[in-house]
Amino acid sequence: MGTGSVVRAARGLYALPDCSRDHLARAAVGGVLSCLDAAREQGLAVLRPEPLVHVRAARGTVRTWPGTVVHREGLPEDGGALGLAATLVSAARCAPFAVAVSLVDEVLRTGRCDAAELAAAGGIRYRAWQAVLAAADARAMSGIESFTRLELLAVFGPLGVEVEPQVRLRGVGSVDLLVDGWLVVEDDGYAFHADRTSYREDRRRNQALSAAGYVWVRFAFEHVVRSRGQVAEQVLEVWSRGRPPHWHDLRRP
């Protein structure tokens, strides 16, 4: 004890000095990680992390821990961590809607679960989970694309304007989102757009789009993750100016 190799975290609870807060909370409560903490442990991309640790514990227990949200819903029967589907259901319960949808998009895209597995996971009476499944789309290629899609659908859906993900345009390639058939919305994560080759390719695509009469707007990771409707407002402003008269459809062969 006196060497500093072990610290007393609480009465009857000792930990190594570098023990993560997630593991400490899980041990203190006597449960397993839940919600976005479990999703991160499963290797999923959590774009808006929750500042508090979420832990699932046995029903009837009373143990708590500072900075921890305890869901007393029972532990997994096998005594291990939450499974992937159960993790997504738990995220749908308390995470922001767009975050939960982005996780399901990722799981569907990567094939880690199929739609039938996910539909059976939450039960037909769990409305929050059913809403997440209804909004999910396996075509989304990234979390920020999922965020943008949902934000645009909230604005353009009531107007009867279509928002299509991952549309392939002749001479351009696939675009992240296509609004009303002519307005291209691209999300540029730094990891995939920082090198010289990607820089040149982005400009080639922009020129091809402009030559065909498409209008395009691009957003960075920070724009999307920190947006509170501002991305959709900017796209709506551009859309309201109308489709250029020289536009021709590159979706056709």
C-alpha atoms as a PDB file:
ATOM      1  CA  MET A   1       0.000   0.000   0.000  1.00  0.00           C
ATOM      2  CA  GLY A   2       2.741   2.443   0.967  1.00  0.00           C
ATOM      3  CA  THR A   3       4.602   2.005  -2.331  1.00  0.00           C
ATOM      4  CA  GLY A   4       1.863   3.723  -4.316  1.00  0.00           C
ATOM      5  CA  SER A   5       1.272   0.642  -6.481  1.00  0.00           C
ATOM      6  CA  VAL A   6      -2.307   0.401  -5.177  1.00  0.00           C
ATOM      7  CA  VAL A   7      -4.632   3.207  -4.110  1.00  0.00           C
ATOM      8  CA  ARG A   8      -7.697   3.065  -1.883  1.00  0.00           C
ATOM      9  CA  ALA A   9     -10.548   4.359  -4.029  1.00  0.00           C
ATOM     10  CA  ALA A  10     -13.246   3.782  -1.430  1.00  0.00           C
ATOM     11  CA  ARG A  11     -13.977   1.631   1.561  1.00  0.00           C
ATOM     12  CA  GLY A  12     -13.171  -1.917   0.540  1.00  0.00           C
ATOM     13  CA  LEU A  13     -12.212  -0.848  -3.005  1.00  0.00           C
ATOM     14  CA  TYR A  14      -8.595  -0.650  -4.165  1.00  0.00           C
ATOM     15  CA  ALA A  15      -7.238   0.053  -7.635  1.00  0.00           C
ATOM     16  CA  LEU A  16      -4.040   0.652  -9.555  1.00  0.00           C
ATOM     17  CA  PRO A  17      -3.173   4.346  -9.979  1.00  0.00           C
ATOM     18  CA  ASP A  18      -3.771   4.245 -13.745  1.00  0.00           C
ATOM     19  CA  CYS A  19      -7.110   2.437 -13.530  1.00  0.00           C
ATOM     20  CA  SER A  20      -9.581   4.060 -15.949  1.00  0.00           C
ATOM     21  CA  ARG A  21     -12.684   5.746 -14.586  1.00  0.00           C
ATOM     22  CA  ASP A  22     -14.845   3.298 -16.568  1.00  0.00           C
ATOM     23  CA  HIS A  23     -13.313   0.255 -14.917  1.00  0.00           C
ATOM     24  CA  LEU A  24     -13.371   1.902 -11.503  1.00  0.00           C
ATOM     25  CA  ALA A  25     -17.064   2.788 -11.808  1.00  0.00           C
ATOM     26  CA  ARG A  26     -17.904  -0.705 -13.002  1.00  0.00           C
ATOM     27  CA  ALA A  27     -16.080  -2.283 -10.056  1.00  0.00           C
ATOM     28  CA  ALA A  28     -17.524   0.161  -7.519  1.00  0.00           C
ATOM     29  CA  VAL A  29     -21.109  -0.439  -8.605  1.00  0.00           C
ATOM     30  CA  GLY A  30     -20.674  -4.133  -9.305  1.00  0.00           C
ATOM     31  CA  GLY A  31     -22.019  -4.014 -12.835  1.00  0.00           C
ATOM     32  CA  VAL A  32     -21.066  -3.801 -16.497  1.00  0.00           C
ATOM     33  CA  LEU A  33     -20.630  -0.823 -18.801  1.00  0.00           C
ATOM     34  CA  SER A  34     -23.776   0.316 -20.565  1.00  0.00           C
ATOM     35  CA  CYS A  35     -24.960   2.819 -23.174  1.00  0.00           C
ATOM     36  CA  LEU A  36     -22.228   4.822 -24.915  1.00  0.00           C
ATOM     37  CA  ASP A  37     -19.497   3.508 -22.605  1.00  0.00           C
ATOM     38  CA  ALA A  38     -20.345  -0.041 -23.653  1.00  0.00           C
ATOM     39  CA  ALA A  39     -20.499   1.059 -27.297  1.00  0.00           C
ATOM     40  CA  ARG A  40     -17.005   2.515 -27.074  1.00  0.00           C
ATOM     41  CA  GLU A  41     -15.777  -0.695 -25.442  1.00  0.00           C
ATOM     42  CA  GLN A  42     -17.322  -2.587 -28.374  1.00  0.00           C
ATOM     43  CA  GLY A  43     -15.148  -0.533 -30.735  1.00  0.00           C
ATOM     44  CA  LEU A  44     -17.925   1.662 -32.118  1.00  0.00           C
ATOM     45  CA  ALA A  45     -17.377   5.308 -33.012  1.00  0.00           C
ATOM     46  CA  VAL A  46     -19.028   7.530 -30.393  1.00  0.00           C
ATOM     47  CA  LEU A  47     -18.944  11.076 -31.764  1.00  0.00           C
ATOM     48  CA  ARG A  48     -20.613  12.798 -28.814  1.00  0.00           C
ATOM     49  CA  PRO A  49     -19.387  11.023 -25.668  1.00  0.00           C
ATOM     50  CA  GLU A  50     -21.372  11.224 -22.443  1.00  0.00           C
ATOM     51  CA  PRO A  51     -19.436  12.920 -19.591  1.00  0.00           C
ATOM     52  CA  LEU A  52     -20.838  10.473 -17.030  1.00  0.00           C
ATOM     53  CA  VAL A  53     -20.069   6.753 -16.943  1.00  0.00           C
ATOM     54  CA  HIS A  54     -23.110   4.531 -17.486  1.00  0.00           C
ATOM     55  CA  VAL A  55     -23.165   1.175 -15.704  1.00  0.00           C
ATOM     56  CA  ARG A  56     -25.795  -1.542 -15.722  1.00  0.00           C
ATOM     57  CA  ALA A  57     -26.270  -3.288 -12.378  1.00  0.00           C
ATOM     58  CA  ALA A  58     -28.435  -5.972 -10.833  1.00  0.00           C
ATOM     59  CA  ARG A  59     -31.977  -5.098  -9.850  1.00  0.00           C
ATOM     60  CA  GLY A  60     -32.423  -4.196  -6.212  1.00  0.00           C
ATOM     61  CA  THR A  61     -28.828  -3.093  -5.669  1.00  0.00           C
ATOM     62  CA  VAL A  62     -28.036   0.265  -4.090  1.00  0.00           C
ATOM     63  CA  ARG A  63     -24.337   0.853  -4.709  1.00  0.00           C
ATOM     64  CA  THR A  64     -23.416   4.114  -6.409  1.00  0.00           C
ATOM     65  CA  TRP A  65     -20.238   5.892  -7.503  1.00  0.00           C
ATOM     66  CA  PRO A  66     -19.493   9.589  -8.196  1.00  0.00           C
ATOM     67  CA  GLY A  67     -19.897  10.569 -11.846  1.00  0.00           C
ATOM     68  CA  THR A  68     -21.782   7.364 -12.629  1.00  0.00           C
ATOM     69  CA  VAL A  69     -25.304   6.728 -13.911  1.00  0.00           C
ATOM     70  CA  VAL A  70     -26.523   3.336 -12.709  1.00  0.00           C
ATOM     71  CA  HIS A  71     -29.203   1.461 -14.670  1.00  0.00           C
ATOM     72  CA  ARG A  72     -30.551  -1.240 -12.366  1.00  0.00           C
ATOM     73  CA  GLU A  73     -31.979  -3.480 -15.062  1.00  0.00           C
ATOM     74  CA  GLY A  74     -30.255  -6.759 -14.328  1.00  0.00           C
ATOM     75  CA  LEU A  75     -26.933  -8.176 -15.437  1.00  0.00           C
ATOM     76  CA  PRO A  76     -26.349 -10.368 -18.518  1.00  0.00           C
ATOM     77  CA  GLU A  77     -27.155 -14.009 -17.826  1.00  0.00           C
ATOM     78  CA  ASP A  78     -23.696 -15.172 -18.870  1.00  0.00           C
ATOM     79  CA  GLY A  79     -22.052 -12.849 -16.367  1.00  0.00           C
ATOM     80  CA  GLY A  80     -20.103 -11.027 -19.074  1.00  0.00           C
ATOM     81  CA  ALA A  81     -20.384  -7.622 -20.730  1.00  0.00           C
ATOM     82  CA  LEU A  82     -23.432  -6.469 -22.653  1.00  0.00           C
ATOM     83  CA  GLY A  83     -23.703  -7.950 -26.117  1.00  0.00           C
ATOM     84  CA  LEU A  84     -23.618  -5.693 -29.154  1.00  0.00           C
ATOM     85  CA  ALA A  85     -27.384  -5.600 -29.731  1.00  0.00           C
ATOM     86  CA  ALA A  86     -28.081  -5.000 -26.034  1.00  0.00           C
ATOM     87  CA  THR A  87     -25.506  -2.210 -26.071  1.00  0.00           C
ATOM     88  CA  LEU A  88     -27.300  -0.479 -28.940  1.00  0.00           C
ATOM     89  CA  VAL A  89     -30.662  -0.822 -27.200  1.00  0.00           C
ATOM     90  CA  SER A  90     -29.209   0.732 -24.057  1.00  0.00           C
ATOM     91  CA  ALA A  91     -27.805   3.625 -26.122  1.00  0.00           C
ATOM     92  CA  ALA A  92     -31.217   4.222 -27.677  1.00  0.00           C
ATOM     93  CA  ARG A  93     -32.646   4.656 -24.194  1.00  0.00           C
ATOM     94  CA  CYS A  94     -30.487   7.519 -22.953  1.00  0.00           C
ATOM     95  CA  ALA A  95     -28.114   8.766 -25.671  1.00  0.00           C
ATOM     96  CA  PRO A  96     -29.051  11.562 -28.098  1.00  0.00           C
ATOM     97  CA  PHE A  97     -31.149  10.203 -30.964  1.00  0.00           C
ATOM     98  CA  ALA A  98     -28.592  11.004 -33.670  1.00  0.00           C
ATOM     99  CA  VAL A  99     -25.824   9.297 -31.716  1.00  0.00           C
ATOM    100  CA  ALA A 100     -27.879   6.120 -31.292  1.00  0.00           C
ATOM    101  CA  VAL A 101     -28.779   6.077 -34.990  1.00  0.00           C
ATOM    102  CA  SER A 102     -25.146   6.582 -36.033  1.00  0.00           C
ATOM    103  CA  LEU A 103     -24.139   3.537 -33.975  1.00  0.00           C
ATOM    104  CA  VAL A 104     -26.810   1.377 -35.605  1.00  0.00           C
ATOM    105  CA  ASP A 105     -25.782   2.686 -39.037  1.00  0.00           C
ATOM    106  CA  GLU A 106     -22.209   1.592 -38.333  1.00  0.00           C
ATOM    107  CA  VAL A 107     -23.210  -1.866 -37.134  1.00  0.00           C
ATOM    108  CA  LEU A 108     -25.444  -2.435 -40.170  1.00  0.00           C
ATOM    109  CA  ARG A 109     -22.798  -1.133 -42.589  1.00  0.00           C
ATOM    110  CA  THR A 110     -20.061  -3.348 -41.168  1.00  0.00           C
ATOM    111  CA  GLY A 111     -22.323  -6.393 -40.934  1.00  0.00           C
ATOM    112  CA  ARG A 112     -21.739  -6.931 -37.234  1.00  0.00           C
ATOM    113  CA  CYS A 113     -25.507  -7.361 -36.820  1.00  0.00           C
ATOM    114  CA  ASP A 114     -28.274  -7.591 -39.377  1.00  0.00           C
ATOM    115  CA  ALA A 115     -31.611  -5.805 -39.318  1.00  0.00           C
ATOM    116  CA  ALA A 116     -33.499  -8.887 -38.093  1.00  0.00           C
ATOM    117  CA  GLU A 117     -31.199  -9.323 -35.096  1.00  0.00           C
ATOM    118  CA  LEU A 118     -31.570  -5.693 -34.128  1.00  0.00           C
ATOM    119  CA  ALA A 119     -35.344  -5.692 -34.575  1.00  0.00           C
ATOM    120  CA  ALA A 120     -35.634  -8.607 -32.141  1.00  0.00           C
ATOM    121  CA  ALA A 121     -33.303  -7.057 -29.566  1.00  0.00           C
ATOM    122  CA  GLY A 122     -35.496  -4.326 -28.133  1.00  0.00           C
ATOM    123  CA  GLY A 123     -38.972  -5.759 -28.394  1.00  0.00           C
ATOM    124  CA  ILE A 124     -41.852  -4.266 -30.345  1.00  0.00           C
ATOM    125  CA  ARG A 125     -43.017  -2.176 -27.366  1.00  0.00           C
ATOM    126  CA  TYR A 126     -39.789  -0.249 -26.993  1.00  0.00           C
ATOM    127  CA  ARG A 127     -40.692   2.877 -28.957  1.00  0.00           C
ATOM    128  CA  ALA A 128     -37.331   4.641 -28.641  1.00  0.00           C
ATOM    129  CA  TRP A 129     -35.555   1.620 -30.089  1.00  0.00           C
ATOM    130  CA  GLN A 130     -38.089   1.234 -32.898  1.00  0.00           C
ATOM    131  CA  ALA A 131     -37.625   4.905 -33.799  1.00  0.00           C
ATOM    132  CA  VAL A 132     -33.851   4.456 -33.977  1.00  0.00           C
ATOM    133  CA  LEU A 133     -34.197   1.389 -36.210  1.00  0.00           C
ATOM    134  CA  ALA A 134     -36.636   3.196 -38.499  1.00  0.00           C
ATOM    135  CA  ALA A 135     -34.166   6.057 -38.980  1.00  0.00           C
ATOM    136  CA  ALA A 136     -31.077   3.874 -39.481  1.00  0.00           C
ATOM    137  CA  ASP A 137     -29.492   3.435 -42.898  1.00  0.00           C
ATOM    138  CA  ALA A 138     -26.720   0.952 -43.667  1.00  0.00           C
ATOM    139  CA  ARG A 139     -25.531   3.088 -46.585  1.00  0.00           C
ATOM    140  CA  ALA A 140     -24.081   5.748 -44.273  1.00  0.00           C
ATOM    141  CA  MET A 141     -20.292   5.643 -44.509  1.00  0.00           C
ATOM    142  CA  SER A 142     -19.499   7.547 -41.301  1.00  0.00           C
ATOM    143  CA  GLY A 143     -20.983   8.870 -38.104  1.00  0.00           C
ATOM    144  CA  ILE A 144     -20.866  12.481 -39.266  1.00  0.00           C
ATOM    145  CA  GLU A 145     -22.751  11.481 -42.403  1.00  0.00           C
ATOM    146  CA  SER A 146     -25.431   9.911 -40.193  1.00  0.00           C
ATOM    147  CA  PHE A 147     -25.663  13.109 -38.149  1.00  0.00           C
ATOM    148  CA  THR A 148     -25.993  15.250 -41.279  1.00  0.00           C
ATOM    149  CA  ARG A 149     -28.593  12.970 -42.850  1.00  0.00           C
ATOM    150  CA  LEU A 150     -30.836  13.129 -39.802  1.00  0.00           C
ATOM    151  CA  GLU A 151     -30.489  16.894 -39.523  1.00  0.00           C
ATOM    152  CA  LEU A 152     -31.386  17.368 -43.184  1.00  0.00           C
ATOM    153  CA  LEU A 153     -34.308  14.942 -43.027  1.00  0.00           C
ATOM    154  CA  ALA A 154     -35.775  16.881 -40.106  1.00  0.00           C
ATOM    155  CA  VAL A 155     -35.881  20.009 -42.280  1.00  0.00           C
ATOM    156  CA  PHE A 156     -36.455  18.680 -45.795  1.00  0.00           C
ATOM    157  CA  GLY A 157     -38.701  15.718 -44.960  1.00  0.00           C
ATOM    158  CA  PRO A 158     -41.716  17.905 -44.062  1.00  0.00           C
ATOM    159  CA  LEU A 159     -41.175  19.770 -47.339  1.00  0.00           C
ATOM    160  CA  GLY A 160     -41.406  16.527 -49.298  1.00  0.00           C
ATOM    161  CA  VAL A 161     -37.811  16.928 -50.510  1.00  0.00           C
ATOM    162  CA  GLU A 162     -35.782  13.739 -50.828  1.00  0.00           C
ATOM    163  CA  VAL A 163     -32.452  13.321 -49.032  1.00  0.00           C
ATOM    164  CA  GLU A 164     -30.522  10.360 -50.480  1.00  0.00           C
ATOM    165  CA  PRO A 165     -27.321   8.906 -48.971  1.00  0.00           C
ATOM    166  CA  GLN A 166     -24.389   7.636 -51.022  1.00  0.00           C
ATOM    167  CA  VAL A 167     -25.653   8.409 -54.517  1.00  0.00           C
ATOM    168  CA  ARG A 168     -23.333   7.495 -57.386  1.00  0.00           C
ATOM    169  CA  LEU A 169     -22.985  10.221 -60.036  1.00  0.00           C
ATOM    170  CA  ARG A 170     -21.403   9.583 -63.394  1.00  0.00           C
ATOM    171  CA  GLY A 171     -17.914  11.075 -63.653  1.00  0.00           C
ATOM    172  CA  VAL A 172     -17.927  12.038 -59.972  1.00  0.00           C
ATOM    173  CA  GLY A 173     -18.338   8.916 -57.865  1.00  0.00           C
ATOM    174  CA  SER A 174     -20.469   8.503 -54.772  1.00  0.00           C
ATOM    175  CA  VAL A 175     -21.528  11.657 -52.936  1.00  0.00           C
ATOM    176  CA  ASP A 176     -22.393  11.565 -49.249  1.00  0.00           C
ATOM    177  CA  LEU A 177     -25.867  13.077 -49.520  1.00  0.00           C
ATOM    178  CA  LEU A 178     -27.971  14.334 -52.407  1.00  0.00           C
ATOM    179  CA  VAL A 179     -30.815  16.758 -51.687  1.00  0.00           C
ATOM    180  CA  ASP A 180     -33.634  17.129 -54.220  1.00  0.00           C
ATOM    181  CA  GLY A 181     -31.518  15.435 -56.878  1.00  0.00           C
ATOM    182  CA  TRP A 182     -29.189  18.387 -57.490  1.00  0.00           C
ATOM    183  CA  LEU A 183     -27.714  19.687 -54.205  1.00  0.00           C
ATOM    184  CA  VAL A 184     -24.696  17.694 -53.005  1.00  0.00           C
ATOM    185  CA  VAL A 185     -23.731  17.701 -49.328  1.00  0.00           C
ATOM    186  CA  GLU A 186     -20.318  16.295 -48.421  1.00  0.00           C
ATOM    187  CA  ASP A 187     -18.888  15.627 -44.945  1.00  0.00           C
ATOM    188  CA  ASP A 188     -15.107  15.849 -44.838  1.00  0.00           C
ATOM    189  CA  GLY A 189     -13.511  13.980 -41.968  1.00  0.00           C
ATOM    190  CA  TYR A 190      -9.868  15.048 -41.642  1.00  0.00           C
ATOM    191  CA  ALA A 191      -8.557  11.463 -41.646  1.00  0.00           C
ATOM    192  CA  PHE A 192      -9.830  10.872 -45.198  1.00  0.00           C
ATOM    193  CA  HIS A 193      -9.259  14.301 -46.737  1.00  0.00           C
ATOM    194  CA  ALA A 194      -5.900  15.466 -45.358  1.00  0.00           C
ATOM    195  CA  ASP A 195      -3.427  13.954 -47.822  1.00  0.00           C
ATOM    196  CA  ARG A 196      -2.459  15.469 -51.155  1.00  0.00           C
ATOM    197  CA  THR A 197      -4.177  12.795 -53.237  1.00  0.00           C
ATOM    198  CA  SER A 198      -7.507  13.312 -51.475  1.00  0.00           C
ATOM    199  CA  TYR A 199      -7.094  17.081 -51.742  1.00  0.00           C
ATOM    200  CA  ARG A 200      -6.745  16.841 -55.538  1.00  0.00           C
ATOM    201  CA  GLU A 201      -9.595  14.333 -55.856  1.00  0.00           C
ATOM    202  CA  ASP A 202     -11.976  16.539 -53.894  1.00  0.00           C
ATOM    203  CA  ARG A 203     -11.317  19.419 -56.277  1.00  0.00           C
ATOM    204  CA  ARG A 204     -11.739  17.232 -59.349  1.00  0.00           C
ATOM    205  CA  ARG A 205     -15.107  16.104 -58.010  1.00  0.00           C
ATOM    206  CA  ASN A 206     -16.146  19.683 -57.268  1.00  0.00           C
ATOM    207  CA  GLN A 207     -15.297  20.758 -60.806  1.00  0.00           C
ATOM    208  CA  ALA A 208     -17.225  17.839 -62.313  1.00  0.00           C
ATOM    209  CA  LEU A 209     -20.257  18.660 -60.181  1.00  0.00           C
ATOM    210  CA  SER A 210     -20.180  22.345 -61.078  1.00  0.00           C
ATOM    211  CA  ALA A 211     -19.797  21.593 -64.795  1.00  0.00           C
ATOM    212  CA  ALA A 212     -22.971  19.490 -64.669  1.00  0.00           C
ATOM    213  CA  GLY A 213     -24.936  22.198 -62.855  1.00  0.00           C
ATOM    214  CA  TYR A 214     -24.896  20.587 -59.420  1.00  0.00           C
ATOM    215  CA  VAL A 215     -24.534  22.791 -56.372  1.00  0.00           C
ATOM    216  CA  TRP A 216     -22.337  21.448 -53.588  1.00  0.00           C
ATOM    217  CA  VAL A 217     -21.605  22.322 -49.981  1.00  0.00           C
ATOM    218  CA  ARG A 218     -18.969  20.759 -47.739  1.00  0.00           C
ATOM    219  CA  PHE A 219     -18.819  20.504 -43.967  1.00  0.00           C
ATOM    220  CA  ALA A 220     -15.963  19.563 -41.656  1.00  0.00           C
ATOM    221  CA  PHE A 221     -16.253  17.154 -38.743  1.00  0.00           C
ATOM    222  CA  GLU A 222     -16.507  20.009 -36.224  1.00  0.00           C
ATOM    223  CA  HIS A 223     -19.307  21.709 -38.175  1.00  0.00           C
ATOM    224  CA  VAL A 224     -21.450  18.584 -38.031  1.00  0.00           C
ATOM    225  CA  VAL A 225     -20.744  17.356 -34.499  1.00  0.00           C
ATOM    226  CA  ARG A 226     -21.222  20.773 -32.924  1.00  0.00           C
ATOM    227  CA  SER A 227     -24.186  21.755 -35.084  1.00  0.00           C
ATOM    228  CA  ARG A 228     -27.502  22.548 -33.487  1.00  0.00           C
ATOM    229  CA  GLY A 229     -29.438  22.785 -36.711  1.00  0.00           C
ATOM    230  CA  GLN A 230     -26.953  25.142 -38.356  1.00  0.00           C
ATOM    231  CA  VAL A 231     -25.883  22.652 -41.033  1.00  0.00           C
ATOM    232  CA  ALA A 232     -29.468  22.135 -42.170  1.00  0.00           C
ATOM    233  CA  GLU A 233     -30.120  25.889 -42.090  1.00  0.00           C
ATOM    234  CA  GLN A 234     -27.170  26.521 -44.411  1.00  0.00           C
ATOM    235  CA  VAL A 235     -28.230  23.758 -46.797  1.00  0.00           C
ATOM    236  CA  LEU A 236     -31.812  25.050 -46.790  1.00  0.00           C
ATOM    237  CA  GLU A 237     -30.582  28.531 -47.657  1.00  0.00           C
ATOM    238  CA  VAL A 238     -28.643  27.181 -50.650  1.00  0.00           C
ATOM    239  CA  TRP A 239     -31.559  24.984 -51.750  1.00  0.00           C
ATOM    240  CA  SER A 240     -34.000  27.909 -51.585  1.00  0.00           C
ATOM    241  CA  ARG A 241     -32.089  29.662 -54.380  1.00  0.00           C
ATOM    242  CA  GLY A 242     -33.270  26.959 -56.765  1.00  0.00           C
ATOM    243  CA  ARG A 243     -31.681  24.466 -59.126  1.00  0.00           C
ATOM    244  CA  PRO A 244     -29.301  25.913 -61.728  1.00  0.00           C
ATOM    245  CA  PRO A 245     -30.870  26.008 -65.216  1.00  0.00           C
ATOM    246  CA  HIS A 246     -27.925  24.175 -66.818  1.00  0.00           C
ATOM    247  CA  TRP A 247     -28.190  21.160 -64.451  1.00  0.00           C
ATOM    248  CA  HIS A 248     -28.276  17.710 -66.018  1.00  0.00           C
ATOM    249  CA  ASP A 249     -28.753  14.454 -64.157  1.00  0.00           C
ATOM    250  CA  LEU A 250     -25.573  12.437 -63.676  1.00  0.00           C
ATOM    251  CA  ARG A 251     -27.465   9.541 -62.101  1.00  0.00           C
ATOM    252  CA  ARG A 252     -28.529   8.296 -65.493  1.00  0.00           C
ATOM    253  CA  PRO A 253     -26.248   5.916 -67.464  1.00  0.00           C
END
